[in-house]
Amino acid sequence: MEMLSSVIYLAFVLVFILLTTLVSGTKICIMELFTLKRLDSYQYVQVEEVRCLFQNLIRSTETPVVIKDHLFTINLNIMSRIVLGRKYM
């Protein structure tokens, strides 16, 4: 019984550490990464990706278009260009 309570205690400690880390990470994202100035500095990425989206839509005028796939791709491209510096799709 004592061993079980030790395991439960350790699990609670690990959950507490994880939640504390997530909250700190969220604060860092909000305070540093998602400031208005930082988002404005990446506007050119958004403009270029929207332009690519429109070009892809124009090229596929003869076939049915699944907008969901295109929106997923544009979001992935914008995030990967901002975070990693290049797009992967």
C-alpha atoms as a PDB file:
ATOM      1  CA  MET A   1       0.000   0.000   0.000  1.00  0.00           C
ATOM      2  CA  GLU A   2       2.865   2.343   0.787  1.00  0.00           C
ATOM      3  CA  MET A   3       4.420   1.693  -2.615  1.00  0.00           C
ATOM      4  CA  LEU A   4       1.135   2.495  -4.363  1.00  0.00           C
ATOM      5  CA  SER A   5       0.833   5.806  -2.538  1.00  0.00           C
ATOM      6  CA  SER A   6       4.438   6.638  -3.513  1.00  0.00           C
ATOM      7  CA  VAL A   7       3.655   5.946  -7.169  1.00  0.00           C
ATOM      8  CA  ILE A   8       0.520   8.080  -6.984  1.00  0.00           C
ATOM      9  CA  TYR A   9       2.493  10.879  -5.332  1.00  0.00           C
ATOM     10  CA  LEU A  10       5.148  10.729  -8.061  1.00  0.00           C
ATOM     11  CA  ALA A  11       2.433  10.795 -10.725  1.00  0.00           C
ATOM     12  CA  PHE A  12       0.920  13.916  -9.170  1.00  0.00           C
ATOM     13  CA  VAL A  13       4.339  15.568  -9.008  1.00  0.00           C
ATOM     14  CA  LEU A  14       4.995  14.772 -12.667  1.00  0.00           C
ATOM     15  CA  VAL A  15       1.581  16.112 -13.701  1.00  0.00           C
ATOM     16  CA  PHE A  16       2.213  19.283 -11.687  1.00  0.00           C
ATOM     17  CA  ILE A  17       5.607  19.787 -13.352  1.00  0.00           C
ATOM     18  CA  LEU A  18       4.104  19.185 -16.783  1.00  0.00           C
ATOM     19  CA  LEU A  19       1.258  21.637 -16.207  1.00  0.00           C
ATOM     20  CA  THR A  20       3.638  24.260 -14.844  1.00  0.00           C
ATOM     21  CA  THR A  21       5.831  23.880 -17.904  1.00  0.00           C
ATOM     22  CA  LEU A  22       2.854  24.168 -20.249  1.00  0.00           C
ATOM     23  CA  VAL A  23       1.632  27.315 -18.510  1.00  0.00           C
ATOM     24  CA  SER A  24       5.108  28.837 -18.697  1.00  0.00           C
ATOM     25  CA  GLY A  25       5.367  27.893 -22.359  1.00  0.00           C
ATOM     26  CA  THR A  26       2.000  29.477 -23.049  1.00  0.00           C
ATOM     27  CA  LYS A  27       3.089  32.669 -21.324  1.00  0.00           C
ATOM     28  CA  ILE A  28       6.266  32.764 -23.401  1.00  0.00           C
ATOM     29  CA  CYS A  29       4.272  32.270 -26.601  1.00  0.00           C
ATOM     30  CA  ILE A  30       1.828  35.017 -25.731  1.00  0.00           C
ATOM     31  CA  MET A  31       4.426  37.475 -24.414  1.00  0.00           C
ATOM     32  CA  GLU A  32       7.148  36.918 -27.034  1.00  0.00           C
ATOM     33  CA  LEU A  33       6.044  34.977 -30.099  1.00  0.00           C
ATOM     34  CA  PHE A  34       2.557  36.320 -30.720  1.00  0.00           C
ATOM     35  CA  THR A  35       3.066  40.020 -30.167  1.00  0.00           C
ATOM     36  CA  LEU A  36       1.510  42.316 -32.754  1.00  0.00           C
ATOM     37  CA  LYS A  37       4.916  43.560 -33.877  1.00  0.00           C
ATOM     38  CA  ARG A  38       6.212  40.005 -34.374  1.00  0.00           C
ATOM     39  CA  LEU A  39       3.112  38.942 -36.320  1.00  0.00           C
ATOM     40  CA  ASP A  40       3.329  42.038 -38.513  1.00  0.00           C
ATOM     41  CA  SER A  41       6.938  41.205 -39.343  1.00  0.00           C
ATOM     42  CA  TYR A  42       5.768  37.931 -40.919  1.00  0.00           C
ATOM     43  CA  GLN A  43       3.034  39.477 -43.033  1.00  0.00           C
ATOM     44  CA  TYR A  44       5.081  38.966 -46.201  1.00  0.00           C
ATOM     45  CA  VAL A  45       4.980  35.195 -45.585  1.00  0.00           C
ATOM     46  CA  GLN A  46       1.209  35.265 -45.334  1.00  0.00           C
ATOM     47  CA  VAL A  47       0.896  37.342 -48.508  1.00  0.00           C
ATOM     48  CA  GLU A  48       3.168  35.008 -50.481  1.00  0.00           C
ATOM     49  CA  GLU A  49       1.347  31.896 -49.297  1.00  0.00           C
ATOM     50  CA  VAL A  50      -2.081  33.354 -50.122  1.00  0.00           C
ATOM     51  CA  ARG A  51      -0.755  34.226 -53.571  1.00  0.00           C
ATOM     52  CA  CYS A  52       0.407  30.612 -53.996  1.00  0.00           C
ATOM     53  CA  LEU A  53      -3.006  29.405 -52.843  1.00  0.00           C
ATOM     54  CA  PHE A  54      -4.760  31.486 -55.485  1.00  0.00           C
ATOM     55  CA  GLN A  55      -2.356  30.285 -58.172  1.00  0.00           C
ATOM     56  CA  ASN A  56      -3.027  26.670 -57.196  1.00  0.00           C
ATOM     57  CA  LEU A  57      -6.780  27.260 -57.244  1.00  0.00           C
ATOM     58  CA  ILE A  58      -6.593  28.885 -60.681  1.00  0.00           C
ATOM     59  CA  ARG A  59      -4.542  25.961 -62.025  1.00  0.00           C
ATOM     60  CA  SER A  60      -7.121  23.463 -60.794  1.00  0.00           C
ATOM     61  CA  THR A  61     -10.186  25.105 -62.317  1.00  0.00           C
ATOM     62  CA  GLU A  62     -11.080  22.060 -64.387  1.00  0.00           C
ATOM     63  CA  THR A  63     -11.239  19.670 -61.448  1.00  0.00           C
ATOM     64  CA  PRO A  64     -13.289  19.779 -58.258  1.00  0.00           C
ATOM     65  CA  VAL A  65     -11.429  21.538 -55.450  1.00  0.00           C
ATOM     66  CA  VAL A  66     -11.372  20.468 -51.824  1.00  0.00           C
ATOM     67  CA  ILE A  67     -10.908  23.747 -49.992  1.00  0.00           C
ATOM     68  CA  LYS A  68     -10.160  21.953 -46.721  1.00  0.00           C
ATOM     69  CA  ASP A  69      -6.958  20.487 -48.180  1.00  0.00           C
ATOM     70  CA  HIS A  70      -5.831  23.828 -49.555  1.00  0.00           C
ATOM     71  CA  LEU A  71      -6.481  25.595 -46.247  1.00  0.00           C
ATOM     72  CA  PHE A  72      -4.570  22.908 -44.368  1.00  0.00           C
ATOM     73  CA  THR A  73      -1.641  23.299 -46.746  1.00  0.00           C
ATOM     74  CA  ILE A  74      -1.558  27.080 -46.518  1.00  0.00           C
ATOM     75  CA  ASN A  75      -1.654  26.971 -42.709  1.00  0.00           C
ATOM     76  CA  LEU A  76       1.112  24.385 -42.600  1.00  0.00           C
ATOM     77  CA  ASN A  77       3.237  26.393 -45.035  1.00  0.00           C
ATOM     78  CA  ILE A  78       2.805  29.640 -43.109  1.00  0.00           C
ATOM     79  CA  MET A  79       3.645  28.010 -39.773  1.00  0.00           C
ATOM     80  CA  SER A  80       6.631  26.111 -41.119  1.00  0.00           C
ATOM     81  CA  ARG A  81       8.041  29.188 -42.868  1.00  0.00           C
ATOM     82  CA  ILE A  82       7.701  31.284 -39.725  1.00  0.00           C
ATOM     83  CA  VAL A  83       9.032  28.681 -37.310  1.00  0.00           C
ATOM     84  CA  LEU A  84      11.514  26.724 -39.442  1.00  0.00           C
ATOM     85  CA  GLY A  85      12.347  29.195 -42.191  1.00  0.00           C
ATOM     86  CA  ARG A  86      11.138  27.077 -45.130  1.00  0.00           C
ATOM     87  CA  LYS A  87       8.046  25.304 -46.349  1.00  0.00           C
ATOM     88  CA  TYR A  88       7.736  21.560 -46.637  1.00  0.00           C
ATOM     89  CA  MET A  89       4.660  21.071 -48.843  1.00  0.00           C
END
